[in-house]
Amino acid sequence: MKKRVTGRQPFAAVLVGVTLLGASVPLAATGASASSSVTTITVWGSGGDQTTEMAGIKYAVAQYNRMYQGKYKANLEFVPNITTVQETATPADEGTVMEGDGPTLSYLAYSGKIAPINGYVSSMNVSQQSKYILGQDTYKGKLYAMATINGTLTLYGNKALLNKVGITACGNNPTTASCYPSSWAKAWTATQFGQVLKKLAANASIKKLDNGYVWAANIAYGGEYGAYGFLPVLNSAGSPVVSNNSANVLKTAKVYTALQQFASWMPLNDQTAGSATSGGDGGAFTAGNEPLLWGGHWQLPSFMSGGVTSNGKNPGNVVGIPLPNFGYGAKDGAGSNVWEVGSNATTAQKKAAGAFLNLVSSPTFQDLYTYGNGTKVGGVAVYGDGAIPADPAAVAKDPTVAKGGVLYYAAQAENTACPAGKVLATCFAVPRPVTPAYPGIQQAVSTMFSSLFTQGAQGTVSLATVKSLVATAVDSINSYYQQFNNFK
C-alpha cells in the first residue's frame, strides 16, 4: 500500500542527491551518460511522507551506483502521487524503474506501461518472494515486479489507556470486551469492538484527551488508503469485492450489516487523524492521547519515538491487536509496494533495471528497509519502516514482526494470506483484487467509505442508506469493467 497522499497533484519529480557513509553521490539529470559504456536508468521513488522509506531508497540508489560504477548509473527522482502519475503518464515520460503499488500492477501491465522482468532478475530472489506477492506481481503468466516489503494493517492499542478501563491482554483466555486479543483467530467481534469503544468513552479522563474521540482510522489519509484501509471490512463480511468482472457480490446482507456497524462507531472516531495538518502519522494516538488506532505498518516508527511510548522509553506501551471480525474472520489488507520496469526501457536498461531490482529484493536490503541497521540521528532511526519483509524467511529476525514484536501476529496473517480472488474463513489476510480494474475499484470503494464516514459521524446510518452507497459503488465498478470491455 502506498502511504498517505494528501491530494491528487499534477506530476512533479524532485531530483535529489544521495549521501552514503559520508560519500556524496551526485545524481545528474536523466540523459546520455558521460561514457557510452555506462547504461543510465532513472529510478522513481514514492514522494510519500515516510522518511525512513525515502532514506532506504536513497541508500539503495547510492549502493547500486557504488556496486556498478562504470557499468550502470541510477538517477533518483521522488515522485509525489506516484500511482496517479503512473496511471496517466505515457510510457515515454515514465521512469526506467518505478516504485509502485502492487494492486495497480495489472492495470499498468494491461496498459502497456510496464515491461515483464522474466530473465532480468535473479531466480533465487524470485523464489524468496512470498507466494501471494508473486501472484500479485504476475499478469497473464509473466512477472512484472519485485517487492521489498509486505504491507499490513493492524489495530494499535495504547496499553496504559486500555488498562485504565480494565481492558488487559486476553492471553489464553477467551476474547471479551474486557481484554484485547493478539491472535487474528481470536479477534474482537464487531459487537465486542463496539462495546470496547463505549467502555473507553465512558471514562471521562480518556474521553477528554482527544475532544471526545477514543479511536482513529486514518480516514483523512485519502488516496489509495481509502480502499486499502477498509477493504478488510468487506472481506471480513465474506465478500471478495469482485467476481467474474462484476461487483454484484457486494450486495449481501452481511456486507450491509458490517457497514452499518462500522458507521455506528464514527461518532467516537477522530476523522482528522492521518491528515497533513494533524501530525500525519496518527495524530492523537502518536501523542499518547488516544486508546486505539486502525493503521498501517509504516506508522509504527513514529509511535516508537512519540509520546505514546514516552519518546521511545516505553516501547511496550504500543500493542498490536487484530482488526475486528465482521462475521467471516478478521481480515488484514494484504499487498505490497513493488518495483517495476517501464515499458520504454531499452534492452540494456532492462538489464540495468534487473540489477537494481535484485538489490532492492535482496534479504540484506529487506532487513535494512524494514527494521533498519541501528543508525540514528537525534535519537530517531534513519532506516526501518516497520513493514513485513517480502521474504517470509526474513520475518523471524525482524524484531518488529518476530515473536514478541508489535506486528508479529499481523506478519503471521500476511504470510498465510488467502489466495488472490478468494476470501476464506481459514486465512486472515486478503490481497486486494488482482485485476486491471483495480483503479476503478479503488475509486469506488474509497468514495463509498468516505460517504459512510461523513454520514456516520452525524448519526445513525440507515440500512437504506447503506444499500444506496453499496449500489452506487457496484454500478461504478461494473461500469469500469464495461468501459474496458472486461479487459479482454
Protein backbone atom coordinates (compact mmCIF):
# COMPACT_ATOMS: atom_id res chain seq x y z
CA MET A 1 0.00 0.00 0.00
CA LYS A 2 1.27 3.41 -0.87
CA LYS A 3 1.31 5.71 2.15
CA ARG A 4 -0.70 8.85 2.71
CA VAL A 5 -1.37 11.05 -0.29
CA THR A 6 -2.79 14.42 0.60
CA GLY A 7 -4.46 15.07 -2.71
CA ARG A 8 -4.15 14.27 -6.38
CA GLN A 9 -1.41 16.54 -7.59
CA PRO A 10 -0.01 17.13 -11.07
CA PHE A 11 3.21 15.37 -11.95
CA ALA A 12 6.20 16.65 -10.03
CA ALA A 13 9.55 14.92 -9.84
CA VAL A 14 12.18 16.19 -7.47
CA LEU A 15 15.75 15.20 -8.26
CA VAL A 16 17.70 14.51 -5.12
CA GLY A 17 21.31 13.88 -4.17
CA VAL A 18 22.32 10.89 -2.09
CA THR A 19 24.87 10.54 0.66
CA LEU A 20 26.11 7.14 1.74
CA LEU A 21 28.59 6.66 4.57
CA GLY A 22 29.72 10.25 4.20
CA ALA A 23 30.41 9.98 0.46
CA SER A 24 28.32 12.24 -1.71
CA VAL A 25 26.88 10.61 -4.82
CA PRO A 26 25.67 13.37 -7.16
CA LEU A 27 22.74 12.44 -9.34
CA ALA A 28 22.62 14.11 -12.72
CA ALA A 29 19.56 14.68 -14.85
CA THR A 30 18.37 11.78 -16.95
CA GLY A 31 20.08 11.54 -20.30
CA ALA A 32 23.15 10.16 -22.04
CA SER A 33 25.91 9.20 -19.63
CA ALA A 34 29.36 10.67 -19.75
CA SER A 35 30.62 7.34 -21.09
CA SER A 36 28.82 5.44 -23.81
CA SER A 37 29.69 2.22 -21.97
CA VAL A 38 27.62 3.23 -18.95
CA THR A 39 23.88 2.46 -19.04
CA THR A 40 21.85 5.10 -17.24
CA ILE A 41 18.46 4.47 -15.65
CA THR A 42 16.04 6.73 -13.85
CA VAL A 43 14.62 5.39 -10.59
CA TRP A 44 11.27 6.75 -9.44
CA GLY A 45 10.62 6.51 -5.70
CA SER A 46 7.45 7.44 -3.91
CA GLY A 47 7.13 11.02 -2.77
CA GLY A 48 5.32 9.91 0.39
CA ASP A 49 5.78 11.15 3.93
CA GLN A 50 7.66 8.15 5.35
CA THR A 51 11.17 9.49 5.84
CA THR A 52 12.68 6.12 6.73
CA GLU A 53 11.44 4.65 3.45
CA MET A 54 12.82 7.57 1.47
CA ALA A 55 16.14 7.15 3.29
CA GLY A 56 16.12 3.47 2.37
CA ILE A 57 15.55 4.23 -1.31
CA LYS A 58 18.38 6.77 -1.29
CA TYR A 59 20.60 4.14 0.29
CA ALA A 60 19.69 1.62 -2.42
CA VAL A 61 20.47 4.00 -5.27
CA ALA A 62 23.78 5.02 -3.73
CA GLN A 63 24.73 1.40 -3.09
CA TYR A 64 23.76 0.46 -6.66
CA ASN A 65 25.91 3.23 -8.10
CA ARG A 66 28.85 2.07 -6.00
CA MET A 67 28.40 -1.58 -6.96
CA TYR A 68 28.05 -0.94 -10.68
CA GLN A 69 30.31 2.08 -11.13
CA GLY A 70 31.47 2.24 -14.74
CA LYS A 71 28.69 -0.10 -15.91
CA TYR A 72 25.31 1.21 -14.69
CA LYS A 73 24.21 4.50 -13.17
CA ALA A 74 20.91 5.31 -11.48
CA ASN A 75 19.42 8.79 -11.17
CA LEU A 76 16.84 9.07 -8.40
CA GLU A 77 13.64 11.09 -8.55
CA PHE A 78 10.98 11.20 -5.84
CA VAL A 79 7.56 11.48 -7.46
CA PRO A 80 4.59 12.66 -5.37
CA ASN A 81 1.33 10.86 -6.15
CA ILE A 82 3.33 8.24 -8.00
CA THR A 83 0.37 5.89 -8.55
CA THR A 84 -1.67 8.57 -10.31
CA VAL A 85 1.36 9.63 -12.35
CA GLN A 86 1.98 6.06 -13.46
CA GLU A 87 -1.63 5.60 -14.49
CA THR A 88 -1.78 8.83 -16.52
CA ALA A 89 1.72 9.39 -17.95
CA THR A 90 2.82 7.96 -21.28
CA PRO A 91 5.49 5.22 -21.21
CA ALA A 92 7.99 7.68 -22.72
CA ASP A 93 7.53 10.01 -19.75
CA GLU A 94 7.93 7.39 -17.04
CA GLY A 95 10.96 6.21 -15.11
CA THR A 96 13.05 3.21 -16.08
CA VAL A 97 12.48 1.68 -12.65
CA MET A 98 9.44 2.72 -10.61
CA GLU A 99 8.22 2.05 -7.12
CA GLY A 100 4.54 1.25 -7.39
CA ASP A 101 1.52 -0.08 -5.56
CA GLY A 102 1.06 -3.80 -6.09
CA PRO A 103 -2.67 -3.79 -6.88
CA THR A 104 -2.22 -1.31 -9.73
CA LEU A 105 0.32 -3.58 -11.44
CA SER A 106 -2.28 -5.47 -13.50
CA TYR A 107 -3.65 -2.22 -14.89
CA LEU A 108 -0.19 -0.92 -15.78
CA ALA A 109 0.70 -4.21 -17.46
CA TYR A 110 -2.61 -4.25 -19.35
CA SER A 111 -1.98 -0.65 -20.46
CA GLY A 112 1.50 -1.49 -21.73
CA LYS A 113 3.22 0.88 -19.29
CA ILE A 114 5.48 -1.65 -17.59
CA ALA A 115 7.59 -4.47 -19.00
CA PRO A 116 7.89 -8.13 -17.97
CA ILE A 117 11.04 -8.80 -15.98
CA ASN A 118 11.42 -12.53 -16.59
CA GLY A 119 15.05 -13.19 -17.41
CA TYR A 120 16.27 -9.89 -15.98
CA VAL A 121 16.05 -10.72 -12.26
CA SER A 122 17.64 -13.38 -10.10
CA SER A 123 15.65 -16.64 -9.98
CA MET A 124 16.78 -17.03 -6.37
CA ASN A 125 15.33 -13.65 -5.42
CA VAL A 126 12.09 -14.56 -7.17
CA SER A 127 11.84 -17.84 -5.27
CA GLN A 128 12.21 -15.97 -1.97
CA GLN A 129 9.19 -13.72 -2.55
CA SER A 130 6.03 -14.78 -0.71
CA LYS A 131 3.57 -16.75 -2.84
CA TYR A 132 0.78 -14.21 -2.76
CA ILE A 133 3.17 -11.37 -3.66
CA LEU A 134 4.26 -13.37 -6.71
CA GLY A 135 0.58 -13.80 -7.56
CA GLN A 136 0.01 -10.07 -7.23
CA ASP A 137 3.04 -9.29 -9.39
CA THR A 138 2.17 -11.69 -12.22
CA TYR A 139 -0.08 -10.76 -15.13
CA LYS A 140 -1.05 -13.27 -17.82
CA GLY A 141 1.74 -15.60 -16.77
CA LYS A 142 4.54 -13.01 -16.82
CA LEU A 143 6.31 -11.49 -13.83
CA TYR A 144 6.26 -7.68 -13.78
CA ALA A 145 7.71 -6.66 -10.41
CA MET A 146 9.73 -7.49 -7.32
CA ALA A 147 8.86 -6.48 -3.77
CA THR A 148 10.88 -5.35 -0.78
CA ILE A 149 8.08 -5.31 1.75
CA ASN A 150 4.75 -6.85 2.59
CA GLY A 151 2.31 -4.24 3.89
CA THR A 152 -0.03 -4.78 6.81
CA LEU A 153 -2.79 -3.14 8.77
CA THR A 154 -3.42 -3.58 12.47
CA LEU A 155 -5.31 -2.05 15.36
CA TYR A 156 -2.71 -0.34 17.51
CA GLY A 157 -3.50 -0.10 21.20
CA ASN A 158 -2.23 2.25 23.92
CA LYS A 159 -1.84 -0.31 26.67
CA ALA A 160 -1.89 2.21 29.52
CA LEU A 161 -5.19 3.75 28.37
CA LEU A 162 -6.77 0.35 27.74
CA ASN A 163 -5.66 -0.85 31.17
CA LYS A 164 -7.21 2.27 32.68
CA VAL A 165 -10.69 0.92 31.91
CA GLY A 166 -9.84 -2.67 32.80
CA ILE A 167 -9.01 -3.89 29.30
CA THR A 168 -5.93 -6.11 29.64
CA ALA A 169 -4.30 -8.74 27.43
CA CYS A 170 -6.50 -11.80 26.84
CA GLY A 171 -3.59 -14.20 26.82
CA ASN A 172 -5.00 -17.72 26.55
CA ASN A 173 -8.40 -16.66 27.87
CA PRO A 174 -11.49 -16.27 25.65
CA THR A 175 -11.78 -12.89 23.94
CA THR A 176 -14.20 -10.45 25.56
CA ALA A 177 -14.68 -6.70 25.59
CA SER A 178 -12.62 -6.67 28.80
CA CYS A 179 -9.42 -7.92 27.17
CA TYR A 180 -7.54 -7.28 23.96
CA PRO A 181 -6.60 -10.24 21.73
CA SER A 182 -3.32 -10.77 19.90
CA SER A 183 -4.02 -13.65 17.53
CA TRP A 184 -6.11 -12.86 14.46
CA ALA A 185 -8.01 -16.09 15.08
CA LYS A 186 -9.27 -14.56 18.34
CA ALA A 187 -10.16 -11.05 17.15
CA TRP A 188 -12.87 -8.98 18.76
CA THR A 189 -16.21 -9.43 17.05
CA ALA A 190 -17.72 -6.23 15.68
CA THR A 191 -20.14 -6.25 18.61
CA GLN A 192 -17.29 -6.59 21.12
CA PHE A 193 -15.35 -3.79 19.45
CA GLY A 194 -18.38 -1.52 19.77
CA GLN A 195 -18.54 -2.41 23.47
CA VAL A 196 -14.84 -1.58 23.86
CA LEU A 197 -15.37 1.87 22.32
CA LYS A 198 -18.30 2.57 24.65
CA LYS A 199 -16.27 1.49 27.68
CA LEU A 200 -13.45 3.84 26.69
CA ALA A 201 -15.83 6.72 26.00
CA ALA A 202 -17.43 6.25 29.42
CA ASN A 203 -14.15 7.18 31.09
CA ALA A 204 -14.15 10.95 31.46
CA SER A 205 -10.36 11.33 31.70
CA ILE A 206 -9.82 9.35 28.48
CA LYS A 207 -12.62 10.97 26.55
CA LYS A 208 -11.31 14.48 27.17
CA LEU A 209 -7.84 13.65 25.77
CA ASP A 210 -8.96 13.99 22.15
CA ASN A 211 -12.16 16.04 22.13
CA GLY A 212 -14.37 13.08 22.96
CA TYR A 213 -12.83 10.66 20.45
CA VAL A 214 -11.39 7.32 21.56
CA TRP A 215 -10.15 5.83 18.30
CA ALA A 216 -8.97 6.80 14.83
CA ALA A 217 -8.60 5.04 11.49
CA ASN A 218 -6.52 7.46 9.38
CA ILE A 219 -9.64 8.43 7.50
CA ALA A 220 -8.04 11.71 6.40
CA TYR A 221 -5.22 9.94 4.54
CA GLY A 222 -7.06 9.94 1.24
CA GLY A 223 -5.65 8.40 -1.92
CA GLU A 224 -5.43 4.63 -2.19
CA TYR A 225 -5.69 4.21 1.58
CA GLY A 226 -9.43 4.78 1.28
CA ALA A 227 -9.65 1.33 -0.29
CA TYR A 228 -6.64 -0.42 1.24
CA GLY A 229 -7.54 0.62 4.77
CA PHE A 230 -11.15 -0.54 4.66
CA LEU A 231 -11.47 -3.35 2.13
CA PRO A 232 -10.87 -5.68 5.13
CA VAL A 233 -14.33 -4.68 6.41
CA LEU A 234 -15.90 -6.07 3.23
CA ASN A 235 -13.61 -9.12 3.19
CA SER A 236 -14.39 -9.87 6.84
CA ALA A 237 -18.07 -9.86 5.90
CA GLY A 238 -17.24 -12.61 3.40
CA SER A 239 -17.13 -10.59 0.18
CA PRO A 240 -14.26 -10.76 -2.36
CA VAL A 241 -15.46 -7.35 -3.69
CA VAL A 242 -15.42 -8.50 -7.34
CA SER A 243 -16.07 -11.82 -9.06
CA ASN A 244 -16.39 -12.60 -12.75
CA ASN A 245 -15.80 -8.96 -13.74
CA SER A 246 -18.60 -7.73 -11.52
CA ALA A 247 -19.01 -6.16 -8.08
CA ASN A 248 -22.52 -7.54 -7.56
CA VAL A 249 -21.06 -9.81 -4.86
CA LEU A 250 -21.06 -6.76 -2.58
CA LYS A 251 -24.86 -6.71 -2.45
CA THR A 252 -25.28 -9.03 0.53
CA ALA A 253 -26.95 -8.73 3.91
CA LYS A 254 -23.63 -9.45 5.66
CA VAL A 255 -21.91 -6.57 3.87
CA TYR A 256 -24.78 -4.21 4.71
CA THR A 257 -24.64 -5.23 8.38
CA ALA A 258 -20.86 -4.78 8.54
CA LEU A 259 -21.06 -1.29 7.03
CA GLN A 260 -23.83 -0.27 9.42
CA GLN A 261 -21.74 -1.48 12.37
CA PHE A 262 -18.69 0.37 11.10
CA ALA A 263 -20.70 3.56 10.61
CA SER A 264 -22.07 3.32 14.16
CA TRP A 265 -18.53 3.78 15.53
CA MET A 266 -17.93 7.05 13.69
CA PRO A 267 -19.17 9.45 16.42
CA LEU A 268 -16.23 8.29 18.56
CA ASN A 269 -13.70 8.39 15.68
CA ASP A 270 -11.19 11.21 15.20
CA GLN A 271 -11.55 11.69 11.45
CA THR A 272 -8.69 14.20 11.27
CA ALA A 273 -6.08 11.57 12.16
CA GLY A 274 -3.75 10.99 9.26
CA SER A 275 -4.16 14.41 7.70
CA ALA A 276 -1.18 16.61 6.93
CA THR A 277 -2.37 19.18 9.45
CA SER A 278 -2.72 16.77 12.38
CA GLY A 279 0.69 15.15 12.52
CA GLY A 280 0.34 12.84 9.55
CA ASP A 281 1.31 9.67 11.34
CA GLY A 282 -1.57 9.08 13.70
CA GLY A 283 -2.22 12.41 15.41
CA ALA A 284 -3.58 11.93 18.91
CA PHE A 285 -2.55 8.27 19.16
CA THR A 286 1.10 9.10 18.43
CA ALA A 287 0.96 11.76 21.13
CA GLY A 288 -0.41 9.23 23.63
CA ASN A 289 -3.88 10.76 23.78
CA GLU A 290 -5.96 8.05 22.09
CA PRO A 291 -6.53 4.41 23.08
CA LEU A 292 -6.86 2.82 19.62
CA LEU A 293 -5.71 3.45 16.05
CA TRP A 294 -6.64 1.45 12.95
CA GLY A 295 -3.49 1.95 10.88
CA GLY A 296 -0.57 0.64 8.87
CA HIS A 297 2.90 -0.72 9.50
CA TRP A 298 4.54 2.48 8.26
CA GLN A 299 3.20 4.37 11.30
CA LEU A 300 4.95 2.20 13.87
CA PRO A 301 8.31 4.04 13.72
CA SER A 302 6.60 7.31 14.65
CA PHE A 303 4.96 5.60 17.64
CA MET A 304 8.31 4.28 18.80
CA SER A 305 9.64 7.82 19.05
CA GLY A 306 6.39 9.58 20.01
CA GLY A 307 4.56 10.44 23.19
CA VAL A 308 2.66 7.12 23.21
CA THR A 309 5.94 5.38 24.09
CA SER A 310 7.32 8.28 26.18
CA ASN A 311 9.58 9.15 23.25
CA GLY A 312 10.85 5.61 22.94
CA LYS A 313 11.46 4.94 26.63
CA ASN A 314 8.41 2.66 26.93
CA PRO A 315 8.03 0.81 23.61
CA GLY A 316 5.89 -1.88 25.24
CA ASN A 317 3.03 0.59 25.60
CA VAL A 318 2.06 0.05 21.95
CA VAL A 319 0.37 -3.30 21.38
CA GLY A 320 -0.81 -4.92 18.16
CA ILE A 321 -4.46 -6.00 18.06
CA PRO A 322 -6.20 -7.67 15.08
CA LEU A 323 -8.86 -5.75 13.17
CA PRO A 324 -12.43 -6.64 14.21
CA ASN A 325 -14.22 -9.72 12.90
CA PHE A 326 -17.35 -8.81 10.95
CA GLY A 327 -18.52 -12.41 10.72
CA TYR A 328 -16.16 -14.28 8.43
CA GLY A 329 -12.98 -14.00 10.45
CA ALA A 330 -10.77 -10.94 10.96
CA LYS A 331 -9.09 -9.88 7.72
CA ASP A 332 -5.93 -7.87 7.09
CA GLY A 333 -5.27 -5.99 3.86
CA ALA A 334 -2.56 -7.93 2.04
CA GLY A 335 -0.45 -6.19 -0.56
CA SER A 336 2.94 -4.69 -1.12
CA ASN A 337 4.81 -1.84 -2.69
CA VAL A 338 6.68 -3.14 -5.72
CA TRP A 339 9.47 -2.20 -8.09
CA GLU A 340 8.57 -2.23 -11.79
CA VAL A 341 10.38 -1.57 -15.08
CA GLY A 342 8.95 0.94 -17.54
CA SER A 343 7.99 -0.43 -20.95
CA ASN A 344 10.02 2.29 -22.69
CA ALA A 345 13.28 0.84 -21.33
CA THR A 346 15.84 -0.44 -23.84
CA THR A 347 17.24 -3.95 -23.55
CA ALA A 348 20.38 -2.54 -21.94
CA GLN A 349 18.29 -0.54 -19.47
CA LYS A 350 16.20 -3.62 -18.62
CA LYS A 351 19.41 -5.43 -17.69
CA ALA A 352 20.47 -2.47 -15.54
CA ALA A 353 16.98 -2.29 -14.03
CA GLY A 354 17.09 -6.01 -13.26
CA ALA A 355 20.27 -5.45 -11.29
CA PHE A 356 18.52 -2.74 -9.27
CA LEU A 357 15.52 -4.99 -8.62
CA ASN A 358 17.88 -7.71 -7.43
CA LEU A 359 19.36 -5.26 -4.93
CA VAL A 360 16.05 -3.98 -3.50
CA SER A 361 14.60 -7.51 -3.23
CA SER A 362 17.72 -8.96 -1.58
CA PRO A 363 17.46 -10.20 2.03
CA THR A 364 20.13 -7.68 3.09
CA PHE A 365 18.20 -4.70 1.76
CA GLN A 366 14.88 -6.05 3.06
CA ASP A 367 16.45 -6.13 6.52
CA LEU A 368 17.65 -2.53 6.25
CA TYR A 369 14.37 -1.27 4.81
CA THR A 370 12.03 -2.98 7.27
CA TYR A 371 13.77 -2.73 10.64
CA GLY A 372 16.91 -0.73 9.98
CA ASN A 373 20.53 -1.16 10.99
CA GLY A 374 20.59 0.83 14.20
CA THR A 375 21.65 4.11 12.59
CA LYS A 376 20.04 7.06 14.40
CA VAL A 377 20.10 10.83 14.08
CA GLY A 378 18.92 12.77 17.12
CA GLY A 379 17.73 9.54 18.66
CA VAL A 380 15.46 8.75 15.68
CA ALA A 381 16.10 5.74 13.45
CA VAL A 382 17.21 6.62 9.93
CA TYR A 383 16.10 3.32 8.41
CA GLY A 384 13.31 0.85 9.13
CA ASP A 385 9.66 1.43 8.20
CA GLY A 386 8.14 -1.32 10.36
CA ALA A 387 6.96 -3.39 7.39
CA ILE A 388 6.96 -7.14 6.98
CA PRO A 389 9.78 -8.34 4.69
CA ALA A 390 8.62 -9.70 1.33
CA ASP A 391 10.72 -12.80 2.03
CA PRO A 392 8.85 -14.84 4.70
CA ALA A 393 12.18 -16.31 5.89
CA ALA A 394 13.28 -12.83 7.00
CA VAL A 395 10.39 -12.44 9.43
CA ALA A 396 11.99 -14.40 12.27
CA LYS A 397 14.91 -11.98 12.59
CA ASP A 398 12.94 -8.74 12.27
CA PRO A 399 12.18 -7.62 15.85
CA THR A 400 9.08 -5.74 14.71
CA VAL A 401 7.42 -8.86 13.36
CA ALA A 402 9.34 -11.65 15.14
CA LYS A 403 7.69 -13.36 18.09
CA GLY A 404 7.03 -10.73 20.74
CA GLY A 405 7.05 -7.88 18.22
CA VAL A 406 4.13 -5.48 17.85
CA LEU A 407 3.28 -6.82 14.40
CA TYR A 408 4.12 -10.49 15.00
CA TYR A 409 0.57 -11.76 14.59
CA ALA A 410 -0.08 -9.46 11.63
CA ALA A 411 3.00 -10.96 9.97
CA GLN A 412 1.69 -14.46 10.57
CA ALA A 413 -1.58 -13.47 8.95
CA GLU A 414 0.21 -11.96 5.95
CA ASN A 415 2.46 -14.95 5.38
CA THR A 416 -0.57 -17.24 5.20
CA ALA A 417 -2.73 -14.89 3.14
CA CYS A 418 -5.76 -16.06 1.20
CA PRO A 419 -5.15 -16.88 -2.49
CA ALA A 420 -5.84 -13.95 -4.82
CA GLY A 421 -9.55 -13.63 -5.50
CA LYS A 422 -10.55 -15.85 -2.57
CA VAL A 423 -11.95 -14.96 0.85
CA LEU A 424 -11.72 -17.92 3.21
CA ALA A 425 -12.60 -18.18 6.89
CA THR A 426 -9.31 -20.01 7.48
CA CYS A 427 -6.97 -17.21 6.38
CA PHE A 428 -6.65 -13.74 7.86
CA ALA A 429 -5.20 -11.55 5.11
CA VAL A 430 -6.79 -10.90 1.73
CA PRO A 431 -4.93 -9.47 -1.28
CA ARG A 432 -6.61 -6.51 -2.89
CA PRO A 433 -8.35 -7.55 -6.12
CA VAL A 434 -5.72 -8.62 -8.68
CA THR A 435 -7.29 -7.16 -11.81
CA PRO A 436 -6.64 -4.33 -14.28
CA ALA A 437 -9.89 -2.87 -12.93
CA TYR A 438 -8.29 -2.02 -9.58
CA PRO A 439 -8.08 1.75 -10.22
CA GLY A 440 -11.85 1.78 -10.72
CA ILE A 441 -12.41 -0.45 -7.69
CA GLN A 442 -10.19 1.75 -5.55
CA GLN A 443 -12.03 4.92 -6.51
CA ALA A 444 -15.50 3.44 -5.98
CA VAL A 445 -14.69 1.82 -2.64
CA SER A 446 -12.90 4.93 -1.35
CA THR A 447 -15.87 7.11 -2.27
CA MET A 448 -18.30 4.70 -0.59
CA PHE A 449 -16.37 4.67 2.68
CA SER A 450 -15.83 8.42 2.62
CA SER A 451 -19.60 8.94 2.42
CA LEU A 452 -20.14 6.35 5.15
CA PHE A 453 -17.71 8.13 7.47
CA THR A 454 -19.33 11.50 6.92
CA GLN A 455 -22.86 10.25 7.47
CA GLY A 456 -21.86 8.02 10.38
CA ALA A 457 -20.34 10.96 12.24
CA GLN A 458 -23.69 12.75 12.00
CA GLY A 459 -25.77 9.93 13.47
CA THR A 460 -27.33 6.57 12.73
CA VAL A 461 -26.92 5.38 9.15
CA SER A 462 -30.00 3.51 7.95
CA LEU A 463 -29.99 0.22 6.06
CA ALA A 464 -31.50 2.03 3.07
CA THR A 465 -28.60 4.49 3.04
CA VAL A 466 -26.03 1.70 3.22
CA LYS A 467 -27.72 -0.17 0.38
CA SER A 468 -27.68 3.00 -1.70
CA LEU A 469 -23.96 3.58 -1.06
CA VAL A 470 -23.15 -0.02 -1.99
CA ALA A 471 -25.30 0.15 -5.13
CA THR A 472 -23.50 3.28 -6.27
CA ALA A 473 -20.11 1.64 -5.72
CA VAL A 474 -21.21 -1.52 -7.54
CA ASP A 475 -22.53 0.44 -10.52
CA SER A 476 -19.29 2.42 -10.71
CA ILE A 477 -17.10 -0.70 -10.66
CA ASN A 478 -19.27 -2.56 -13.16
CA SER A 479 -19.19 0.44 -15.49
CA TYR A 480 -15.40 0.49 -15.25
CA TYR A 481 -15.24 -3.12 -16.38
CA GLN A 482 -17.63 -2.39 -19.22
CA GLN A 483 -15.65 0.67 -20.27
CA PHE A 484 -12.65 -1.60 -20.90
CA ASN A 485 -14.68 -4.50 -22.31
CA ASN A 486 -13.82 -6.58 -19.24
CA PHE A 487 -10.12 -6.10 -20.06
CA LYS A 488 -10.17 -8.77 -22.77
